[in-house]
Amino acid sequence: MKKIIKIIGNVVMIAALAFVVKKLFDMDISISQFRDGRVLTALFLCMIVTTVIIIFSCYPWLVFTRSLSGRKIPFSTAMPVYTQSNLYKYIPGNVFQYVGRNQLASDMDISHVDVACATVLDILFCVFWTGVISVVLLRRMLAEVFSQFVGSLIVDAIIGIVIVAIIILLLRLKFKDKFKAYISRYAKAFAKENRAMLLRGAFYYLLQNLVSACMYFVCLKLIIPQADTAELITLTGAFMAAWIIGFVTPGAPGGIGIREGVMLFVCGDKFSDRIVLFVLVMRIASIGADIAAFIIGKIYAKAKPLAFSR
């Protein structure tokens, strides 16, 4: 079974790399846009910072997995799995990056349900803190921004709630005893002795999003120098709010078109060309960071083989 999962993982990894190449070719990139030193600085700054963020974002997910499974899983085992599965988000559907994390369950002989539940917590806290920071940065404009997408968001929320309710109901009816056992088991994961560890994991998302917000602000300043501080703060908040909207909007992998739309709505046509350039730079830097984190994860896995890390 482990060999089969390994083969499937390699096939998905190759497919993800192919989609990354396709995504780069699909972008309307003009070399002349990157002759500006400020634009290049923003590109490399974002790529470096995002690479570091991706690598260390494994930590809170690992904390949740340790708490739910009751196993002391080493970072050296989890990080390569995390950085590789992160690359799977370029495969249409965006769900592969989360499914790919379950390779850790096979590597460590732990429950796939434990890893899946840790991933759900990871998503919830990430969305929560991104939302909190975007609310603080956008303030009064938040209602106007979300009003443009309220229909889509409501439909997505209703569909999500219905799907979750159906899954819970089916699990409870089909696996009544096991369902109760899992509820009892995961309740123990949130026991007093584990709360400090869980809070450290949750706090990481706040720190990560604060670093990301600072990075976006600096990059916006480099690419749109004519914008004042208030406008840069608003654009930063819009960029982060657009990530949430793009994340829950079907048919918009990676929020394609969403971020440009939200940022242009916030500032109108005032910085339209520079905003499009900023989003393009962020996309290229994000792809570069995903690939760099993947390579670092592979190198790290070679340096810290699984047998040794146990």
Foldseek 3Di string as FASTA:
>chain_A
DLVVLVVVLVVLLVVLVVLLVVVVVPDPDDVVLPPDPLLVVLLVLLLVLLLVLQQCLQQLLVLQLCLLFVDDADSLLQRLQLLSLVSSLSPPPSCSSLVSSLSSCVLVVTDSVSSNVSSVVSVVLLLVLLLVLLCVLQPPCPCVLVVVVVVQVVVLVVVVVVVVVVVLVCCCVVVVPVSVVSVVSVVSSCDPVSVVSNVVSSVVSNVSSVSVLVSQLSSCCSLPVVDDPSLSSNLSSQQSVLQSVLVSGPPRRSSVPSSLVSSCVVVPPPCNVSSVSSVVSSVVSNSSSSVVSNVVSVVSCVVQPSVNSD
